[in-house]
Every structure is written in structure tokens, then in C-alpha cells.
Amino acid sequence: MTDALVPRIPLGTWIEAFVTWVRTTFKPLFDVVKDVLGAVYDGLDTVLATPPFWVVAILLAVLALLAKGWKLALGSLVGFVVIAGVDQWGAAMDTLALVLVASCIALAVAVPLGVWAARDDRVSRAVRPVLDLMQTMPAFVYLIPVVLIFLTGPVPGIIATIVFALPPGVRFTELGIRQVDAEVVEAGQAFGATPARILRQVQLPLAMPTIMAGVNQVIMLSLSMVVMAGLVGAGGLGQQVLGALGRIDIALGFEAGLSVVVLAMYLDRVTSALADRAPVARALAAARS
């Protein structure tokens, strides 16, 4: 019930009509997007879930070894054995495939957009309220039009995850580029370097620690969306958690939740270790020591 002085604004009706128009007008495009994303997800999921769990677990542990060291590799291997021991390995690989696909697409959009926003204040001003909307709007709200357009399955879960996880990638990239010392950029200009070369050889390397922090946040936010993805039939650990909630199954809920924690810790430690291996990060660490 609204105040008599304020007429009812049919904003929701306008948005619904707009979404219906978009769905009808761009249906062929959405069908292509659904087919492509579905194929990519299915392919990656097959690669992760088809081999025996110990093969994938060892490969992921080797990645942790190369990124950080034997302690992270051993801890990761123990965590993966626990996931397999509670019979959640297949669901965990479904979730990992969804997170990797969504994170890669989000970063492919976020990093160039962040660079563009850092180099053009007008783009930054235009992008900022959109990012605020994406970050603060409850995920259930934009899940409705996504499901209306793409129906159920992993694809709407991937799209919703991209929308939710993309903002920090843009913000951290813009922040990293803007934090590069202006004198360093001016020195490159004085030597006759083109803007593209300054970006590629000066700004991006110096901003890499901040950009990698954004990469870490994108992956963590993607993983936090697994339950939402389960709501639209994406499968994985999110569906396990929702099933446990529907049946009040404490055992299944804890096992699925613990599996999410193991994946989150693994992805967080690996991406953080890769950020620490950046030349600028190593130089700063050496200077502090």
C-alpha cells in the first residue's frame, strides 16, 4: 500500500515487458550462447569427472606443488581424498567445472573493461553504478530472467555466476592500473613508447598483484554461487546442499558443505600463490626483506 501522494510506479511491469521483449527478439542468439556454454561446460566436466578420482586429485596436487610448494600439495591431496571419501567427488567436479567456466568468462570481460575504465574516466563513471547494481542486487532477482531465457541446467547457473562474480574483477583491474605511478608512465612516454606498449609492458605488469587479487575474488564469488546454481538444476555440490536442506539431512549437508570448503581453500591458495609469483610481487617481497 503506497501513500496517496505517490502514485504506483509499475516499474516491475516495465522490466517484465522488457525481459519478455529481449527473450523474444534475441532468442536465436540466446540459443547459440546456451549451446556454446553447455558444450564447454560438458567438455570440461567430462575431463574432470571421467578419470578415476586419484588421477585428477594428483594432477591438481601437482598444480598446487608448482604454485606454492609441497605443503599446499599435500594438504590439497588430503582434502581431495576426504571429498572422495564422503562420496562427493562427482558433484565436486561438476561444481569445479562450473566455477572455472564462469570465472574464465567473467575475467575475459572484467579485465579489458577494467583497463578501459582506468584509461577513460567517462567509462569509469558509466560502469560504476552498473557494477554497484550487480553486486548489491540479490542473486534470486536476476536469476528469474536468466531462468526465463535459458530455462534450467548448468547454463543459467553459469550466467548468474558471471553476473555475480564479474564486478570485483573490473574494480581491482581499474584500481591496479590507476595505482601505477604516473612518473613511470611519463618515463615510458618520454622514450617514445606507444600507449599500447606502455599498457602491455609497464602498467599491466605493475598492476598484476592487484589484478590477481581481483582474479582471486572472482573465483571465490563464483564458488559462493554453487547453491544458487543448484536451484536452477546446475547439479554439483549446490544441488547436494539443497537436497540436504529439503530433507533436513544433516549428514549430507555437512559432507557437501565440507567439500565446498575444500574446493574454496584449494582455489584460494593456488590463485594467491600465483599472485605472489608475479615479478612485481617478488620484487616487493625482496625489498621488504
C-alpha atoms as a PDB file:
ATOM      1  CA  MET A   1       0.000   0.000   0.000  1.00  0.00           C
ATOM      2  CA  THR A   2       1.501   3.348  -1.038  1.00  0.00           C
ATOM      3  CA  ASP A   3       0.942   6.903   0.085  1.00  0.00           C
ATOM      4  CA  ALA A   4      -1.875   8.673  -1.770  1.00  0.00           C
ATOM      5  CA  LEU A   5       0.565  11.421  -2.779  1.00  0.00           C
ATOM      6  CA  VAL A   6       2.852   8.922  -4.527  1.00  0.00           C
ATOM      7  CA  PRO A   7       1.244   7.132  -7.465  1.00  0.00           C
ATOM      8  CA  ARG A   8       2.041   3.463  -8.024  1.00  0.00           C
ATOM      9  CA  ILE A   9       5.019   3.153 -10.362  1.00  0.00           C
ATOM     10  CA  PRO A  10       4.709  -0.037 -12.432  1.00  0.00           C
ATOM     11  CA  LEU A  11       8.478  -0.473 -12.611  1.00  0.00           C
ATOM     12  CA  GLY A  12       8.298  -4.219 -12.225  1.00  0.00           C
ATOM     13  CA  THR A  13       5.793  -4.477 -15.066  1.00  0.00           C
ATOM     14  CA  TRP A  14       8.060  -2.430 -17.332  1.00  0.00           C
ATOM     15  CA  ILE A  15      11.042  -4.647 -16.523  1.00  0.00           C
ATOM     16  CA  GLU A  16       8.983  -7.774 -17.128  1.00  0.00           C
ATOM     17  CA  ALA A  17       7.865  -6.450 -20.511  1.00  0.00           C
ATOM     18  CA  PHE A  18      11.452  -5.553 -21.388  1.00  0.00           C
ATOM     19  CA  VAL A  19      12.755  -9.011 -20.437  1.00  0.00           C
ATOM     20  CA  THR A  20       9.983 -10.638 -22.477  1.00  0.00           C
ATOM     21  CA  TRP A  21      10.894  -8.472 -25.482  1.00  0.00           C
ATOM     22  CA  VAL A  22      14.592  -9.308 -25.113  1.00  0.00           C
ATOM     23  CA  ARG A  23      13.832 -13.005 -24.799  1.00  0.00           C
ATOM     24  CA  THR A  24      11.665 -12.994 -27.931  1.00  0.00           C
ATOM     25  CA  THR A  25      13.874 -10.724 -30.037  1.00  0.00           C
ATOM     26  CA  PHE A  26      17.214 -12.322 -29.292  1.00  0.00           C
ATOM     27  CA  LYS A  27      16.105 -15.940 -28.901  1.00  0.00           C
ATOM     28  CA  PRO A  28      18.397 -17.223 -31.716  1.00  0.00           C
ATOM     29  CA  LEU A  29      21.394 -15.551 -30.043  1.00  0.00           C
ATOM     30  CA  PHE A  30      20.474 -16.957 -26.638  1.00  0.00           C
ATOM     31  CA  ASP A  31      20.131 -20.429 -28.158  1.00  0.00           C
ATOM     32  CA  VAL A  32      23.670 -20.160 -29.551  1.00  0.00           C
ATOM     33  CA  VAL A  33      25.016 -18.922 -26.211  1.00  0.00           C
ATOM     34  CA  LYS A  34      23.289 -21.789 -24.407  1.00  0.00           C
ATOM     35  CA  ASP A  35      24.666 -24.364 -26.834  1.00  0.00           C
ATOM     36  CA  VAL A  36      28.228 -22.997 -26.645  1.00  0.00           C
ATOM     37  CA  LEU A  37      28.317 -22.644 -22.875  1.00  0.00           C
ATOM     38  CA  GLY A  38      26.689 -26.029 -22.451  1.00  0.00           C
ATOM     39  CA  ALA A  39      29.261 -27.663 -24.723  1.00  0.00           C
ATOM     40  CA  VAL A  40      32.184 -26.011 -22.928  1.00  0.00           C
ATOM     41  CA  TYR A  41      30.818 -26.981 -19.527  1.00  0.00           C
ATOM     42  CA  ASP A  42      30.086 -30.567 -20.589  1.00  0.00           C
ATOM     43  CA  GLY A  43      33.560 -30.934 -22.092  1.00  0.00           C
ATOM     44  CA  LEU A  44      35.349 -29.642 -19.008  1.00  0.00           C
ATOM     45  CA  ASP A  45      33.097 -31.645 -16.709  1.00  0.00           C
ATOM     46  CA  THR A  46      33.887 -34.793 -18.708  1.00  0.00           C
ATOM     47  CA  VAL A  47      37.618 -34.134 -18.407  1.00  0.00           C
ATOM     48  CA  LEU A  48      37.356 -33.662 -14.630  1.00  0.00           C
ATOM     49  CA  ALA A  49      34.787 -36.327 -13.751  1.00  0.00           C
ATOM     50  CA  THR A  50      35.550 -39.201 -16.132  1.00  0.00           C
ATOM     51  CA  PRO A  51      39.053 -40.270 -14.967  1.00  0.00           C
ATOM     52  CA  PRO A  52      39.482 -42.043 -11.623  1.00  0.00           C
ATOM     53  CA  PHE A  53      39.430 -39.521  -8.812  1.00  0.00           C
ATOM     54  CA  TRP A  54      43.054 -40.161  -7.881  1.00  0.00           C
ATOM     55  CA  VAL A  55      44.263 -39.138 -11.351  1.00  0.00           C
ATOM     56  CA  VAL A  56      42.555 -35.730 -11.172  1.00  0.00           C
ATOM     57  CA  ALA A  57      43.475 -35.339  -7.498  1.00  0.00           C
ATOM     58  CA  ILE A  58      47.169 -35.930  -8.236  1.00  0.00           C
ATOM     59  CA  LEU A  59      47.112 -33.516 -11.174  1.00  0.00           C
ATOM     60  CA  LEU A  60      45.513 -30.807  -9.041  1.00  0.00           C
ATOM     61  CA  ALA A  61      48.008 -31.502  -6.270  1.00  0.00           C
ATOM     62  CA  VAL A  62      50.877 -31.151  -8.770  1.00  0.00           C
ATOM     63  CA  LEU A  63      49.466 -27.769  -9.774  1.00  0.00           C
ATOM     64  CA  ALA A  64      49.461 -26.768  -6.115  1.00  0.00           C
ATOM     65  CA  LEU A  65      53.054 -28.019  -5.812  1.00  0.00           C
ATOM     66  CA  LEU A  66      54.192 -25.895  -8.745  1.00  0.00           C
ATOM     67  CA  ALA A  67      52.289 -22.866  -7.487  1.00  0.00           C
ATOM     68  CA  LYS A  68      53.269 -22.914  -3.813  1.00  0.00           C
ATOM     69  CA  GLY A  69      55.105 -25.968  -2.548  1.00  0.00           C
ATOM     70  CA  TRP A  70      54.771 -29.421  -1.068  1.00  0.00           C
ATOM     71  CA  LYS A  71      52.732 -28.330   1.965  1.00  0.00           C
ATOM     72  CA  LEU A  72      49.908 -26.974  -0.177  1.00  0.00           C
ATOM     73  CA  ALA A  73      50.134 -30.008  -2.467  1.00  0.00           C
ATOM     74  CA  LEU A  74      49.882 -32.431   0.454  1.00  0.00           C
ATOM     75  CA  GLY A  75      47.046 -30.520   2.094  1.00  0.00           C
ATOM     76  CA  SER A  76      45.164 -30.380  -1.210  1.00  0.00           C
ATOM     77  CA  LEU A  77      45.595 -34.110  -1.758  1.00  0.00           C
ATOM     78  CA  VAL A  78      44.276 -34.866   1.731  1.00  0.00           C
ATOM     79  CA  GLY A  79      41.281 -32.608   1.082  1.00  0.00           C
ATOM     80  CA  PHE A  80      40.512 -34.330  -2.214  1.00  0.00           C
ATOM     81  CA  VAL A  81      40.703 -37.734  -0.545  1.00  0.00           C
ATOM     82  CA  VAL A  82      38.190 -36.512   2.037  1.00  0.00           C
ATOM     83  CA  ILE A  83      35.847 -35.360  -0.747  1.00  0.00           C
ATOM     84  CA  ALA A  84      36.075 -38.769  -2.400  1.00  0.00           C
ATOM     85  CA  GLY A  85      35.680 -40.470   0.973  1.00  0.00           C
ATOM     86  CA  VAL A  86      32.327 -38.779   1.604  1.00  0.00           C
ATOM     87  CA  ASP A  87      31.176 -39.717  -1.912  1.00  0.00           C
ATOM     88  CA  GLN A  88      31.035 -36.134  -3.207  1.00  0.00           C
ATOM     89  CA  TRP A  89      33.778 -36.312  -5.846  1.00  0.00           C
ATOM     90  CA  GLY A  90      31.483 -36.296  -8.880  1.00  0.00           C
ATOM     91  CA  ALA A  91      29.430 -33.391  -7.524  1.00  0.00           C
ATOM     92  CA  ALA A  92      32.633 -31.523  -6.638  1.00  0.00           C
ATOM     93  CA  MET A  93      33.950 -31.882 -10.190  1.00  0.00           C
ATOM     94  CA  ASP A  94      30.615 -30.635 -11.572  1.00  0.00           C
ATOM     95  CA  THR A  95      30.949 -27.589  -9.334  1.00  0.00           C
ATOM     96  CA  LEU A  96      34.605 -27.059 -10.234  1.00  0.00           C
ATOM     97  CA  ALA A  97      33.759 -27.165 -13.942  1.00  0.00           C
ATOM     98  CA  LEU A  98      31.001 -24.576 -13.489  1.00  0.00           C
ATOM     99  CA  VAL A  99      33.256 -22.307 -11.421  1.00  0.00           C
ATOM    100  CA  LEU A 100      36.115 -22.489 -13.919  1.00  0.00           C
ATOM    101  CA  VAL A 101      33.886 -21.752 -16.927  1.00  0.00           C
ATOM    102  CA  ALA A 102      32.103 -18.872 -15.203  1.00  0.00           C
ATOM    103  CA  SER A 103      35.340 -17.418 -13.797  1.00  0.00           C
ATOM    104  CA  CYS A 104      37.156 -17.517 -17.138  1.00  0.00           C
ATOM    105  CA  ILE A 105      34.297 -15.758 -18.924  1.00  0.00           C
ATOM    106  CA  ALA A 106      33.929 -13.197 -16.129  1.00  0.00           C
ATOM    107  CA  LEU A 107      37.664 -12.416 -16.231  1.00  0.00           C
ATOM    108  CA  ALA A 108      37.675 -12.228 -20.031  1.00  0.00           C
ATOM    109  CA  VAL A 109      35.111  -9.437 -19.714  1.00  0.00           C
ATOM    110  CA  ALA A 110      36.288  -7.847 -16.459  1.00  0.00           C
ATOM    111  CA  VAL A 111      39.979  -7.278 -17.190  1.00  0.00           C
ATOM    112  CA  PRO A 112      39.569  -5.440 -20.523  1.00  0.00           C
ATOM    113  CA  LEU A 113      36.644  -3.465 -19.089  1.00  0.00           C
ATOM    114  CA  GLY A 114      38.710  -2.545 -16.030  1.00  0.00           C
ATOM    115  CA  VAL A 115      41.584  -1.386 -18.238  1.00  0.00           C
ATOM    116  CA  TRP A 116      39.192   0.687 -20.335  1.00  0.00           C
ATOM    117  CA  ALA A 117      37.653   2.236 -17.201  1.00  0.00           C
ATOM    118  CA  ALA A 118      41.112   3.083 -15.840  1.00  0.00           C
ATOM    119  CA  ARG A 119      42.070   4.865 -19.064  1.00  0.00           C
ATOM    120  CA  ASP A 120      38.780   6.729 -19.571  1.00  0.00           C
ATOM    121  CA  ASP A 121      37.011   8.495 -16.697  1.00  0.00           C
ATOM    122  CA  ARG A 122      33.733   8.611 -18.636  1.00  0.00           C
ATOM    123  CA  VAL A 123      33.712   4.823 -18.924  1.00  0.00           C
ATOM    124  CA  SER A 124      34.532   4.550 -15.227  1.00  0.00           C
ATOM    125  CA  ARG A 125      31.612   6.788 -14.275  1.00  0.00           C
ATOM    126  CA  ALA A 126      29.253   4.844 -16.537  1.00  0.00           C
ATOM    127  CA  VAL A 127      30.387   1.415 -15.333  1.00  0.00           C
ATOM    128  CA  ARG A 128      30.412   2.126 -11.606  1.00  0.00           C
ATOM    129  CA  PRO A 129      26.618   2.226 -10.994  1.00  0.00           C
ATOM    130  CA  VAL A 130      26.163  -0.899 -13.123  1.00  0.00           C
ATOM    131  CA  LEU A 131      28.730  -2.737 -11.003  1.00  0.00           C
ATOM    132  CA  ASP A 132      27.036  -1.471  -7.842  1.00  0.00           C
ATOM    133  CA  LEU A 133      23.729  -2.868  -9.119  1.00  0.00           C
ATOM    134  CA  MET A 134      25.309  -6.227  -9.967  1.00  0.00           C
ATOM    135  CA  GLN A 135      26.925  -6.510  -6.545  1.00  0.00           C
ATOM    136  CA  THR A 136      24.009  -5.398  -4.390  1.00  0.00           C
ATOM    137  CA  MET A 137      21.042  -6.883  -6.268  1.00  0.00           C
ATOM    138  CA  PRO A 138      20.046 -10.190  -4.594  1.00  0.00           C
ATOM    139  CA  ALA A 139      21.043 -13.109  -6.791  1.00  0.00           C
ATOM    140  CA  PHE A 140      17.500 -14.507  -6.675  1.00  0.00           C
ATOM    141  CA  VAL A 141      16.252 -11.415  -8.523  1.00  0.00           C
ATOM    142  CA  TYR A 142      18.396 -11.695 -11.650  1.00  0.00           C
ATOM    143  CA  LEU A 143      18.123 -15.477 -11.510  1.00  0.00           C
ATOM    144  CA  ILE A 144      14.456 -15.098 -12.548  1.00  0.00           C
ATOM    145  CA  PRO A 145      15.071 -13.578 -16.025  1.00  0.00           C
ATOM    146  CA  VAL A 146      18.071 -15.863 -16.543  1.00  0.00           C
ATOM    147  CA  VAL A 147      15.891 -18.917 -15.962  1.00  0.00           C
ATOM    148  CA  LEU A 148      13.164 -17.410 -18.164  1.00  0.00           C
ATOM    149  CA  ILE A 149      15.657 -17.040 -21.022  1.00  0.00           C
ATOM    150  CA  PHE A 150      17.854 -20.136 -20.614  1.00  0.00           C
ATOM    151  CA  LEU A 151      15.446 -22.462 -18.743  1.00  0.00           C
ATOM    152  CA  THR A 152      17.145 -24.879 -16.306  1.00  0.00           C
ATOM    153  CA  GLY A 153      20.501 -26.634 -16.267  1.00  0.00           C
ATOM    154  CA  PRO A 154      24.104 -25.550 -15.876  1.00  0.00           C
ATOM    155  CA  VAL A 155      23.927 -22.636 -18.363  1.00  0.00           C
ATOM    156  CA  PRO A 156      21.632 -20.365 -16.294  1.00  0.00           C
ATOM    157  CA  GLY A 157      23.818 -21.163 -13.291  1.00  0.00           C
ATOM    158  CA  ILE A 158      26.896 -20.099 -15.257  1.00  0.00           C
ATOM    159  CA  ILE A 159      25.238 -16.859 -16.431  1.00  0.00           C
ATOM    160  CA  ALA A 160      24.077 -15.947 -12.923  1.00  0.00           C
ATOM    161  CA  THR A 161      27.536 -16.721 -11.552  1.00  0.00           C
ATOM    162  CA  ILE A 162      29.178 -14.483 -14.151  1.00  0.00           C
ATOM    163  CA  VAL A 163      26.890 -11.583 -13.244  1.00  0.00           C
ATOM    164  CA  PHE A 164      27.589 -12.054  -9.537  1.00  0.00           C
ATOM    165  CA  ALA A 165      31.363 -12.538  -9.800  1.00  0.00           C
ATOM    166  CA  LEU A 166      32.296 -10.008 -12.502  1.00  0.00           C
ATOM    167  CA  PRO A 167      32.315  -6.682 -10.523  1.00  0.00           C
ATOM    168  CA  PRO A 168      35.434  -7.274  -8.372  1.00  0.00           C
ATOM    169  CA  GLY A 169      37.402  -8.225 -11.468  1.00  0.00           C
ATOM    170  CA  VAL A 170      36.584  -4.866 -13.055  1.00  0.00           C
ATOM    171  CA  ARG A 171      37.168  -2.873  -9.877  1.00  0.00           C
ATOM    172  CA  PHE A 172      40.506  -4.482  -8.982  1.00  0.00           C
ATOM    173  CA  THR A 173      41.804  -4.137 -12.543  1.00  0.00           C
ATOM    174  CA  GLU A 174      40.873  -0.458 -12.675  1.00  0.00           C
ATOM    175  CA  LEU A 175      42.379   0.115  -9.240  1.00  0.00           C
ATOM    176  CA  GLY A 176      45.613  -1.625 -10.180  1.00  0.00           C
ATOM    177  CA  ILE A 177      46.048   0.388 -13.383  1.00  0.00           C
ATOM    178  CA  ARG A 178      45.257   3.684 -11.646  1.00  0.00           C
ATOM    179  CA  GLN A 179      47.736   2.957  -8.853  1.00  0.00           C
ATOM    180  CA  VAL A 180      50.671   2.723 -11.242  1.00  0.00           C
ATOM    181  CA  ASP A 181      52.989   5.668 -10.586  1.00  0.00           C
ATOM    182  CA  ALA A 182      52.314   8.426 -13.110  1.00  0.00           C
ATOM    183  CA  GLU A 183      56.054   9.174 -13.294  1.00  0.00           C
ATOM    184  CA  VAL A 184      56.736   5.655 -14.547  1.00  0.00           C
ATOM    185  CA  VAL A 185      54.131   6.101 -17.279  1.00  0.00           C
ATOM    186  CA  GLU A 186      55.575   9.506 -18.184  1.00  0.00           C
ATOM    187  CA  ALA A 187      59.045   7.970 -18.430  1.00  0.00           C
ATOM    188  CA  GLY A 188      57.726   5.438 -20.939  1.00  0.00           C
ATOM    189  CA  GLN A 189      56.093   8.228 -22.929  1.00  0.00           C
ATOM    190  CA  ALA A 190      59.343  10.197 -22.895  1.00  0.00           C
ATOM    191  CA  PHE A 191      61.125   7.236 -24.505  1.00  0.00           C
ATOM    192  CA  GLY A 192      58.535   7.232 -27.285  1.00  0.00           C
ATOM    193  CA  ALA A 193      56.533   4.167 -26.218  1.00  0.00           C
ATOM    194  CA  THR A 194      53.026   3.933 -27.634  1.00  0.00           C
ATOM    195  CA  PRO A 195      50.035   3.802 -25.243  1.00  0.00           C
ATOM    196  CA  ALA A 196      49.509   0.132 -26.089  1.00  0.00           C
ATOM    197  CA  ARG A 197      53.133  -0.685 -25.304  1.00  0.00           C
ATOM    198  CA  ILE A 198      53.012   1.276 -22.047  1.00  0.00           C
ATOM    199  CA  LEU A 199      49.902  -0.665 -21.060  1.00  0.00           C
ATOM    200  CA  ARG A 200      51.410  -4.017 -22.008  1.00  0.00           C
ATOM    201  CA  GLN A 201      54.940  -3.550 -20.662  1.00  0.00           C
ATOM    202  CA  VAL A 202      54.508  -1.051 -17.814  1.00  0.00           C
ATOM    203  CA  GLN A 203      51.014  -0.710 -16.404  1.00  0.00           C
ATOM    204  CA  LEU A 204      49.818  -4.310 -16.546  1.00  0.00           C
ATOM    205  CA  PRO A 205      52.996  -5.818 -15.003  1.00  0.00           C
ATOM    206  CA  LEU A 206      52.991  -3.247 -12.188  1.00  0.00           C
ATOM    207  CA  ALA A 207      49.262  -3.711 -11.604  1.00  0.00           C
ATOM    208  CA  MET A 208      49.452  -7.511 -11.729  1.00  0.00           C
ATOM    209  CA  PRO A 209      49.377  -8.115  -7.924  1.00  0.00           C
ATOM    210  CA  THR A 210      46.162  -6.102  -7.637  1.00  0.00           C
ATOM    211  CA  ILE A 211      44.673  -7.716 -10.741  1.00  0.00           C
ATOM    212  CA  MET A 212      45.459 -11.174  -9.357  1.00  0.00           C
ATOM    213  CA  ALA A 213      43.683 -10.213  -6.132  1.00  0.00           C
ATOM    214  CA  GLY A 214      40.675  -9.485  -8.323  1.00  0.00           C
ATOM    215  CA  VAL A 215      41.066 -12.870 -10.018  1.00  0.00           C
ATOM    216  CA  ASN A 216      41.023 -14.484  -6.595  1.00  0.00           C
ATOM    217  CA  GLN A 217      37.842 -12.646  -5.643  1.00  0.00           C
ATOM    218  CA  VAL A 218      36.113 -13.568  -8.906  1.00  0.00           C
ATOM    219  CA  ILE A 219      36.832 -17.260  -8.306  1.00  0.00           C
ATOM    220  CA  MET A 220      35.730 -17.114  -4.666  1.00  0.00           C
ATOM    221  CA  LEU A 221      32.469 -15.361  -5.539  1.00  0.00           C
ATOM    222  CA  SER A 222      31.860 -17.873  -8.315  1.00  0.00           C
ATOM    223  CA  LEU A 223      32.234 -20.699  -5.832  1.00  0.00           C
ATOM    224  CA  SER A 224      29.885 -18.971  -3.401  1.00  0.00           C
ATOM    225  CA  MET A 225      27.148 -19.205  -6.047  1.00  0.00           C
ATOM    226  CA  VAL A 226      27.081 -23.010  -6.151  1.00  0.00           C
ATOM    227  CA  VAL A 227      23.897 -23.244  -4.077  1.00  0.00           C
ATOM    228  CA  MET A 228      22.157 -20.684  -6.306  1.00  0.00           C
ATOM    229  CA  ALA A 229      23.240 -22.690  -9.337  1.00  0.00           C
ATOM    230  CA  GLY A 230      21.754 -25.786  -7.732  1.00  0.00           C
ATOM    231  CA  LEU A 231      18.388 -24.030  -7.582  1.00  0.00           C
ATOM    232  CA  VAL A 232      18.217 -23.953 -11.387  1.00  0.00           C
ATOM    233  CA  GLY A 233      19.287 -27.538 -11.886  1.00  0.00           C
ATOM    234  CA  ALA A 234      23.004 -26.983 -12.418  1.00  0.00           C
ATOM    235  CA  GLY A 235      23.868 -30.000 -10.303  1.00  0.00           C
ATOM    236  CA  GLY A 236      27.060 -30.245  -8.331  1.00  0.00           C
ATOM    237  CA  LEU A 237      27.523 -29.553  -4.646  1.00  0.00           C
ATOM    238  CA  GLY A 238      24.827 -26.883  -4.674  1.00  0.00           C
ATOM    239  CA  GLN A 239      22.213 -29.458  -5.553  1.00  0.00           C
ATOM    240  CA  GLN A 240      23.527 -31.698  -2.778  1.00  0.00           C
ATOM    241  CA  VAL A 241      23.205 -28.862  -0.250  1.00  0.00           C
ATOM    242  CA  LEU A 242      19.676 -28.057  -1.418  1.00  0.00           C
ATOM    243  CA  GLY A 243      18.706 -31.731  -1.240  1.00  0.00           C
ATOM    244  CA  ALA A 244      20.059 -31.930   2.299  1.00  0.00           C
ATOM    245  CA  LEU A 245      18.096 -28.808   3.235  1.00  0.00           C
ATOM    246  CA  GLY A 246      14.888 -30.193   1.765  1.00  0.00           C
ATOM    247  CA  ARG A 247      15.239 -33.480   3.664  1.00  0.00           C
ATOM    248  CA  ILE A 248      16.801 -31.938   6.793  1.00  0.00           C
ATOM    249  CA  ASP A 249      19.728 -34.289   6.212  1.00  0.00           C
ATOM    250  CA  ILE A 250      22.475 -33.005   8.476  1.00  0.00           C
ATOM    251  CA  ALA A 251      24.998 -35.625   7.370  1.00  0.00           C
ATOM    252  CA  LEU A 252      24.654 -34.877   3.647  1.00  0.00           C
ATOM    253  CA  GLY A 253      24.613 -31.136   4.260  1.00  0.00           C
ATOM    254  CA  PHE A 254      27.848 -31.272   6.244  1.00  0.00           C
ATOM    255  CA  GLU A 255      29.582 -33.506   3.706  1.00  0.00           C
ATOM    256  CA  ALA A 256      28.586 -31.309   0.758  1.00  0.00           C
ATOM    257  CA  GLY A 257      29.432 -28.142   2.689  1.00  0.00           C
ATOM    258  CA  LEU A 258      32.833 -29.513   3.664  1.00  0.00           C
ATOM    259  CA  SER A 259      33.513 -30.340   0.008  1.00  0.00           C
ATOM    260  CA  VAL A 260      32.738 -26.729  -0.938  1.00  0.00           C
ATOM    261  CA  VAL A 261      35.168 -25.550   1.744  1.00  0.00           C
ATOM    262  CA  VAL A 262      37.944 -27.825   0.437  1.00  0.00           C
ATOM    263  CA  LEU A 263      37.475 -26.534  -3.127  1.00  0.00           C
ATOM    264  CA  ALA A 264      37.379 -22.940  -1.888  1.00  0.00           C
ATOM    265  CA  MET A 265      40.582 -23.340   0.116  1.00  0.00           C
ATOM    266  CA  TYR A 266      42.339 -25.010  -2.803  1.00  0.00           C
ATOM    267  CA  LEU A 267      41.354 -22.351  -5.345  1.00  0.00           C
ATOM    268  CA  ASP A 268      42.118 -19.526  -2.911  1.00  0.00           C
ATOM    269  CA  ARG A 269      45.591 -20.820  -2.023  1.00  0.00           C
ATOM    270  CA  VAL A 270      46.547 -21.595  -5.623  1.00  0.00           C
ATOM    271  CA  THR A 271      45.442 -18.213  -7.012  1.00  0.00           C
ATOM    272  CA  SER A 272      47.105 -16.395  -4.102  1.00  0.00           C
ATOM    273  CA  ALA A 273      50.316 -18.323  -4.731  1.00  0.00           C
ATOM    274  CA  LEU A 274      50.225 -17.447  -8.428  1.00  0.00           C
ATOM    275  CA  ALA A 275      49.784 -13.785  -7.478  1.00  0.00           C
ATOM    276  CA  ASP A 276      52.839 -13.999  -5.201  1.00  0.00           C
ATOM    277  CA  ARG A 277      54.884 -15.408  -8.092  1.00  0.00           C
ATOM    278  CA  ALA A 278      54.367 -12.293 -10.228  1.00  0.00           C
ATOM    279  CA  PRO A 279      57.688 -10.462 -10.809  1.00  0.00           C
ATOM    280  CA  VAL A 280      56.427  -7.261  -9.185  1.00  0.00           C
ATOM    281  CA  ALA A 281      55.183  -9.147  -6.122  1.00  0.00           C
ATOM    282  CA  ARG A 282      58.523 -10.938  -5.788  1.00  0.00           C
ATOM    283  CA  ALA A 283      60.399  -7.642  -6.120  1.00  0.00           C
ATOM    284  CA  LEU A 284      58.252  -6.017  -3.421  1.00  0.00           C
ATOM    285  CA  ALA A 285      58.740  -9.012  -1.124  1.00  0.00           C
ATOM    286  CA  ALA A 286      62.507  -8.844  -1.660  1.00  0.00           C
ATOM    287  CA  ALA A 287      62.518  -5.125  -0.927  1.00  0.00           C
ATOM    288  CA  ARG A 288      60.622  -5.647   2.326  1.00  0.00           C
ATOM    289  CA  SER A 289      63.036  -8.362   3.425  1.00  0.00           C
END
